[in-house]
């Protein structure tokens, strides 16, 4: 990393840690009465309980999630007191639920391929794989790292037929997810996810700059076992030209429902507005996905994202797996 990028990284890191700390400080440590009704995504499937069992379970879960001092990070809560298994995949969405304190979880694309034609240029992007590793650090917060060990970007000029390819390690993303409410149940849930990107990818795969932002997922339980999810996001990105930075705003509407005891279907609309000084870019897509809870702590998924304009990849297909320990 160049000296200028190191200084920028330090500045971003200070803002990142300040945002994470502020979110942590305003977060309630436990909501025993939140466990009345499950509002997890439709993939989080639980067995029916008697009123007495539900009350006992609520007390146990709330107690397990109240370890706000972080001592449980190295002393995992018992498996019997863990919450339902929830993931930030499939689709582009992030959920407001965190990994149980002291436990680990990975979520990854086995492969992820996208295809885009803009003007006379075709771009193909392949990620193999694209893992995110999560660690529950308190009863309502987890720490997350994401990096693709191999990315291949191929650009082709459709007029001349000439192609160029760049490959290498992807950028490193570090995030802290802090649940504000609903981690232990309830009809709604919300979290804050500040993140920072370190430019570990070669230029051409990435842009070689430190960037960051904040995501605020909100989940709402609906009648008929549907779950509605919103994902407002604000990013601070490097300008395409010059040394300045600009805002990038994104959001999505995600509707999910369990179609069987172990299969969940997702439908999503996503949009992104990149306010670069050289010209504002608008992207949008409609995304479909299916997830299968193969075992209690193992999920498989497949998805298709379809672009709605030329600035968005025409399609993006992926297969993924997630597992909790």
Protein backbone atom coordinates (compact mmCIF):
# COMPACT_ATOMS: atom_id res chain seq x y z
CA UNK A 1 0.00 0.00 0.00
CA UNK A 2 1.41 3.43 -0.93
CA UNK A 3 2.15 5.98 1.82
CA UNK A 4 -0.85 8.16 0.89
CA UNK A 5 -3.16 5.16 1.01
CA UNK A 6 -1.78 4.26 4.45
CA UNK A 7 -2.69 7.70 5.79
CA UNK A 8 -6.14 7.47 4.25
CA UNK A 9 -6.56 3.99 5.72
CA UNK A 10 -5.75 5.31 9.19
CA UNK A 11 -8.29 8.09 8.82
CA UNK A 12 -10.97 5.70 7.59
CA UNK A 13 -10.13 3.29 10.39
CA UNK A 14 -10.67 6.00 13.02
CA UNK A 15 -14.09 6.83 11.54
CA UNK A 16 -14.92 3.14 11.23
CA UNK A 17 -14.08 2.39 14.86
CA UNK A 18 -15.89 5.52 16.05
CA UNK A 19 -19.05 4.51 14.16
CA UNK A 20 -18.85 0.97 15.46
CA UNK A 21 -18.29 2.16 19.01
CA UNK A 22 -21.17 4.62 18.84
CA UNK A 23 -23.51 1.95 17.53
CA UNK A 24 -22.37 -0.42 20.28
CA UNK A 25 -22.95 2.18 23.02
CA UNK A 26 -26.55 2.92 21.99
CA UNK A 27 -27.43 -0.74 21.65
CA UNK A 28 -29.58 -2.41 24.33
CA UNK A 29 -27.89 -5.54 25.66
CA UNK A 30 -30.96 -7.73 25.86
CA UNK A 31 -34.70 -7.78 25.20
CA UNK A 32 -36.27 -10.67 27.08
CA UNK A 33 -39.71 -9.65 25.87
CA UNK A 34 -38.55 -9.56 22.23
CA UNK A 35 -38.64 -13.35 22.08
CA UNK A 36 -42.43 -13.50 21.87
CA UNK A 37 -42.64 -13.74 18.09
CA UNK A 38 -40.02 -14.87 15.58
CA UNK A 39 -39.21 -12.20 13.01
CA UNK A 40 -36.13 -13.81 11.55
CA UNK A 41 -35.91 -14.22 7.75
CA UNK A 42 -38.10 -16.99 6.39
CA UNK A 43 -35.07 -19.28 6.23
CA UNK A 44 -34.84 -19.23 10.03
CA UNK A 45 -37.21 -22.11 10.72
CA UNK A 46 -38.08 -23.21 14.25
CA UNK A 47 -40.34 -25.86 15.71
CA UNK A 48 -43.60 -24.93 17.42
CA UNK A 49 -43.38 -24.67 21.23
CA UNK A 50 -45.85 -24.78 24.04
CA UNK A 51 -46.34 -21.48 25.95
CA UNK A 52 -44.24 -22.75 28.86
CA UNK A 53 -41.47 -23.92 26.56
CA UNK A 54 -41.53 -20.61 24.69
CA UNK A 55 -41.23 -18.66 27.93
CA UNK A 56 -38.31 -20.80 29.10
CA UNK A 57 -36.64 -20.47 25.72
CA UNK A 58 -37.08 -16.70 25.71
CA UNK A 59 -35.47 -16.35 29.12
CA UNK A 60 -32.58 -18.61 28.15
CA UNK A 61 -31.95 -16.82 24.85
CA UNK A 62 -32.16 -13.37 26.39
CA UNK A 63 -29.70 -14.42 29.08
CA UNK A 64 -27.34 -15.84 26.48
CA UNK A 65 -27.51 -12.64 24.45
CA UNK A 66 -26.96 -10.29 27.39
CA UNK A 67 -23.22 -10.90 27.58
CA UNK A 68 -22.55 -7.38 26.40
CA UNK A 69 -19.11 -7.19 28.00
CA UNK A 70 -17.68 -9.49 25.32
CA UNK A 71 -16.46 -12.12 27.80
CA UNK A 72 -18.43 -14.74 25.89
CA UNK A 73 -16.39 -14.04 22.73
CA UNK A 74 -13.81 -16.56 24.01
CA UNK A 75 -16.31 -18.63 25.98
CA UNK A 76 -19.05 -19.56 23.46
CA UNK A 77 -22.60 -19.81 24.70
CA UNK A 78 -23.90 -23.41 24.69
CA UNK A 79 -25.34 -24.72 21.45
CA UNK A 80 -28.66 -25.30 23.21
CA UNK A 81 -29.00 -21.54 23.78
CA UNK A 82 -28.07 -20.42 20.26
CA UNK A 83 -30.48 -18.44 18.13
CA UNK A 84 -31.74 -19.63 14.75
CA UNK A 85 -29.22 -19.85 11.90
CA UNK A 86 -29.37 -16.65 9.80
CA UNK A 87 -27.15 -15.48 6.93
CA UNK A 88 -26.51 -12.37 4.81
CA UNK A 89 -27.16 -14.45 1.72
CA UNK A 90 -28.48 -15.24 -0.78
CA UNK A 91 -29.26 -12.03 -2.78
CA UNK A 92 -27.55 -8.68 -2.16
CA UNK A 93 -29.27 -8.13 1.17
CA UNK A 94 -27.81 -7.91 4.65
CA UNK A 95 -29.91 -9.03 7.61
CA UNK A 96 -30.04 -7.34 11.05
CA UNK A 97 -29.24 -10.56 12.97
CA UNK A 98 -25.82 -11.38 14.41
CA UNK A 99 -23.82 -14.54 15.08
CA UNK A 100 -24.15 -15.90 18.62
CA UNK A 101 -21.39 -14.77 20.97
CA UNK A 102 -18.26 -16.90 20.76
CA UNK A 103 -19.38 -18.77 17.65
CA UNK A 104 -18.06 -18.56 14.10
CA UNK A 105 -19.85 -18.60 10.76
CA UNK A 106 -18.73 -18.51 7.14
CA UNK A 107 -20.84 -17.51 4.14
CA UNK A 108 -19.41 -17.79 0.65
CA UNK A 109 -20.06 -17.98 -3.05
CA UNK A 110 -18.69 -21.23 -4.40
CA UNK A 111 -18.58 -19.27 -7.64
CA UNK A 112 -20.06 -15.96 -8.76
CA UNK A 113 -20.17 -14.94 -12.45
CA UNK A 114 -21.53 -11.72 -13.98
CA UNK A 115 -21.86 -10.53 -17.57
CA UNK A 116 -22.35 -6.94 -18.74
CA UNK A 117 -22.42 -5.07 -22.05
CA UNK A 118 -22.18 -1.28 -21.92
CA UNK A 119 -21.79 0.48 -25.25
CA UNK A 120 -19.22 -1.51 -27.25
CA UNK A 121 -17.55 -3.05 -24.18
CA UNK A 122 -18.31 -6.44 -22.69
CA UNK A 123 -17.16 -7.20 -19.12
CA UNK A 124 -17.10 -10.63 -17.50
CA UNK A 125 -16.30 -11.00 -13.79
CA UNK A 126 -15.64 -14.32 -12.02
CA UNK A 127 -15.11 -14.77 -8.27
CA UNK A 128 -14.00 -18.18 -6.95
CA UNK A 129 -14.90 -18.25 -4.07
CA UNK A 130 -15.98 -15.13 -2.14
CA UNK A 131 -15.99 -15.94 1.61
CA UNK A 132 -17.17 -13.86 4.55
CA UNK A 133 -16.08 -15.06 8.01
CA UNK A 134 -18.03 -13.89 11.08
CA UNK A 135 -17.24 -14.04 14.79
CA UNK A 136 -19.80 -13.29 17.50
CA UNK A 137 -18.06 -10.86 19.89
CA UNK A 138 -20.98 -9.93 22.19
CA UNK A 139 -24.59 -10.95 22.60
CA UNK A 140 -25.65 -8.48 19.90
CA UNK A 141 -22.57 -7.80 17.75
CA UNK A 142 -20.27 -9.69 15.42
CA UNK A 143 -17.05 -8.92 13.54
CA UNK A 144 -16.83 -9.82 9.85
CA UNK A 145 -14.08 -10.11 7.21
CA UNK A 146 -14.64 -10.62 3.49
CA UNK A 147 -12.10 -11.16 0.71
CA UNK A 148 -12.22 -13.03 -2.59
CA UNK A 149 -8.99 -15.05 -2.98
CA UNK A 150 -9.34 -14.97 -6.77
CA UNK A 151 -11.10 -12.52 -9.08
CA UNK A 152 -10.89 -12.53 -12.86
CA UNK A 153 -12.02 -9.47 -14.82
CA UNK A 154 -12.14 -9.84 -18.63
CA UNK A 155 -12.91 -6.86 -20.86
CA UNK A 156 -13.64 -7.22 -24.58
CA UNK A 157 -13.95 -4.53 -27.25
CA UNK A 158 -16.88 -5.70 -29.37
CA UNK A 159 -15.71 -3.66 -32.37
CA UNK A 160 -12.19 -5.05 -32.58
CA UNK A 161 -12.65 -8.34 -30.73
CA UNK A 162 -9.62 -7.55 -28.56
CA UNK A 163 -9.79 -8.86 -24.96
CA UNK A 164 -7.79 -8.04 -21.83
CA UNK A 165 -7.85 -9.91 -18.53
CA UNK A 166 -6.74 -8.94 -15.03
CA UNK A 167 -6.83 -11.34 -12.10
CA UNK A 168 -5.76 -11.46 -8.49
CA UNK A 169 -6.80 -11.16 -4.88
CA UNK A 170 -9.89 -9.10 -4.17
CA UNK A 171 -10.24 -6.16 -1.79
CA UNK A 172 -10.52 -6.82 1.96
CA UNK A 173 -13.71 -5.67 3.72
CA UNK A 174 -13.95 -5.41 7.51
CA UNK A 175 -17.33 -4.88 9.16
CA UNK A 176 -18.93 -4.78 12.59
CA UNK A 177 -22.62 -5.65 12.75
CA UNK A 178 -24.41 -4.29 15.82
CA UNK A 179 -28.02 -5.33 16.36
CA UNK A 180 -30.14 -2.50 17.81
CA UNK A 181 -33.20 -4.63 18.53
CA UNK A 182 -34.85 -7.89 17.49
CA UNK A 183 -31.86 -10.23 17.67
CA UNK A 184 -33.79 -12.47 20.06
CA UNK A 185 -37.15 -12.24 18.30
CA UNK A 186 -39.95 -9.75 17.78
CA UNK A 187 -41.90 -8.49 14.77
CA UNK A 188 -39.11 -6.12 13.65
CA UNK A 189 -35.33 -5.95 13.84
CA UNK A 190 -32.62 -3.44 12.92
CA UNK A 191 -28.83 -3.29 12.89
CA UNK A 192 -26.00 -0.92 11.96
CA UNK A 193 -23.08 -2.22 9.88
CA UNK A 194 -20.14 0.21 9.51
CA UNK A 195 -17.48 -1.10 7.15
CA UNK A 196 -14.11 -0.22 5.68
CA UNK A 197 -12.44 -1.51 2.50
CA UNK A 198 -8.68 -2.01 2.31
CA UNK A 199 -7.30 -1.90 -1.27
CA UNK A 200 -5.69 -5.35 -1.44
CA UNK A 201 -6.78 -6.00 -5.05
CA UNK A 202 -4.63 -5.03 -8.05
CA UNK A 203 -5.82 -1.99 -9.96
CA UNK A 204 -8.25 -3.22 -12.56
CA UNK A 205 -9.78 -5.73 -10.17
CA UNK A 206 -10.21 -2.94 -7.59
CA UNK A 207 -9.58 0.81 -7.69
CA UNK A 208 -6.63 0.83 -5.28
CA UNK A 209 -8.33 3.15 -2.79
CA UNK A 210 -9.57 2.98 0.80
CA UNK A 211 -13.36 3.34 1.00
CA UNK A 212 -16.07 2.80 3.57
CA UNK A 213 -19.69 3.21 4.48
CA UNK A 214 -22.65 2.31 6.67
CA UNK A 215 -25.49 -0.17 6.11
CA UNK A 216 -28.68 -0.21 8.22
CA UNK A 217 -30.77 -3.35 7.53
CA UNK A 218 -34.37 -3.38 8.78
CA UNK A 219 -36.51 -6.54 8.89
CA UNK A 220 -40.31 -6.60 9.27
CA UNK A 221 -42.40 -9.73 9.79
CA UNK A 222 -45.56 -9.81 7.65
CA UNK A 223 -48.72 -11.94 7.72
CA UNK A 224 -48.60 -15.24 5.86
CA UNK A 225 -45.04 -16.05 7.03
CA UNK A 226 -43.51 -13.41 4.73
CA UNK A 227 -40.52 -11.30 5.75
CA UNK A 228 -39.83 -7.84 4.30
CA UNK A 229 -36.28 -6.50 4.40
CA UNK A 230 -34.88 -3.03 3.62
CA UNK A 231 -31.16 -2.32 3.31
CA UNK A 232 -30.39 1.44 3.14
CA UNK A 233 -26.69 2.04 2.54
CA UNK A 234 -24.40 5.06 2.30
CA UNK A 235 -20.87 4.65 0.90
CA UNK A 236 -18.03 7.17 0.62
CA UNK A 237 -16.17 6.30 -2.58
CA UNK A 238 -13.11 7.64 -4.37
CA UNK A 239 -13.77 9.88 -7.39
CA UNK A 240 -12.91 8.32 -10.75
CA UNK A 241 -10.64 11.32 -11.39
CA UNK A 242 -8.78 13.47 -8.90
CA UNK A 243 -8.29 12.93 -5.19
CA UNK A 244 -11.80 13.69 -3.94
CA UNK A 245 -14.57 11.45 -2.67
CA UNK A 246 -18.29 11.27 -3.30
CA UNK A 247 -21.42 9.60 -1.98
CA UNK A 248 -22.92 6.38 -3.23
CA UNK A 249 -26.45 5.52 -2.07
CA UNK A 250 -28.08 2.09 -2.36
CA UNK A 251 -31.18 0.35 -1.08
CA UNK A 252 -33.24 -2.74 -1.73
CA UNK A 253 -36.61 -4.29 -1.00
CA UNK A 254 -36.42 -8.02 -0.29
CA UNK A 255 -39.41 -10.31 0.20
CA UNK A 256 -38.86 -13.87 1.42
CA UNK A 257 -41.00 -16.80 2.50
CA UNK A 258 -40.44 -20.40 3.49
CA UNK A 259 -42.01 -22.65 0.87
CA UNK A 260 -41.24 -25.86 2.79
CA UNK A 261 -39.81 -26.63 6.23
CA UNK A 262 -36.27 -26.23 4.84
CA UNK A 263 -36.55 -24.19 1.60
CA UNK A 264 -36.92 -20.41 1.38
CA UNK A 265 -37.57 -18.33 -1.74
CA UNK A 266 -36.46 -14.70 -2.20
CA UNK A 267 -37.50 -11.88 -4.55
CA UNK A 268 -35.64 -8.58 -4.45
CA UNK A 269 -35.46 -5.19 -6.13
CA UNK A 270 -32.10 -3.36 -5.76
CA UNK A 271 -30.93 0.07 -6.88
CA UNK A 272 -27.72 2.06 -6.55
CA UNK A 273 -26.94 5.73 -7.29
CA UNK A 274 -23.24 6.62 -7.64
CA UNK A 275 -22.82 10.42 -7.56
CA UNK A 276 -19.36 10.61 -9.11
CA UNK A 277 -18.48 14.17 -10.24
CA UNK A 278 -17.76 12.90 -13.76
CA UNK A 279 -21.34 11.67 -14.07
CA UNK A 280 -23.96 10.04 -11.88
CA UNK A 281 -24.47 6.33 -12.55
CA UNK A 282 -27.74 4.53 -11.81
CA UNK A 283 -27.92 0.77 -11.42
CA UNK A 284 -30.88 -1.48 -10.66
CA UNK A 285 -31.72 -5.16 -10.75
CA UNK A 286 -34.36 -7.74 -9.93
CA UNK A 287 -32.91 -10.69 -8.03
CA UNK A 288 -34.22 -14.20 -7.39
CA UNK A 289 -32.80 -16.83 -5.05
CA UNK A 290 -33.58 -20.07 -3.25
CA UNK A 291 -31.94 -21.30 -0.03
CA UNK A 292 -32.04 -24.84 1.38
CA UNK A 293 -31.36 -25.49 5.04
CA UNK A 294 -29.64 -28.83 4.56
CA UNK A 295 -28.89 -29.21 8.27
CA UNK A 296 -29.41 -27.10 11.38
CA UNK A 297 -26.20 -25.13 10.78
CA UNK A 298 -25.65 -25.67 7.05
CA UNK A 299 -27.31 -23.73 4.21
CA UNK A 300 -26.94 -24.07 0.42
CA UNK A 301 -28.24 -21.46 -2.02
CA UNK A 302 -28.45 -20.48 -5.68
CA UNK A 303 -29.41 -17.15 -7.19
CA UNK A 304 -29.82 -15.04 -10.34
CA UNK A 305 -29.61 -11.23 -10.53
CA UNK A 306 -30.96 -9.59 -13.70
CA UNK A 307 -29.93 -6.04 -14.60
CA UNK A 308 -32.57 -3.50 -15.58
CA UNK A 309 -30.27 -1.07 -17.42
CA UNK A 310 -26.96 -1.05 -19.30
CA UNK A 311 -25.02 0.25 -16.29
CA UNK A 312 -25.91 -2.96 -14.40
CA UNK A 313 -24.62 -6.45 -15.24
CA UNK A 314 -27.12 -8.14 -17.57
CA UNK A 315 -27.08 -11.16 -15.32
CA UNK A 316 -25.18 -12.49 -12.35
CA UNK A 317 -25.40 -16.14 -11.28
CA UNK A 318 -24.00 -17.71 -8.14
CA UNK A 319 -24.03 -20.80 -5.94
CA UNK A 320 -23.24 -20.49 -2.26
CA UNK A 321 -22.85 -22.26 1.06
CA UNK A 322 -22.98 -21.09 4.69
CA UNK A 323 -22.13 -22.91 7.89
CA UNK A 324 -22.08 -22.09 11.60
CA UNK A 325 -19.78 -23.53 14.27
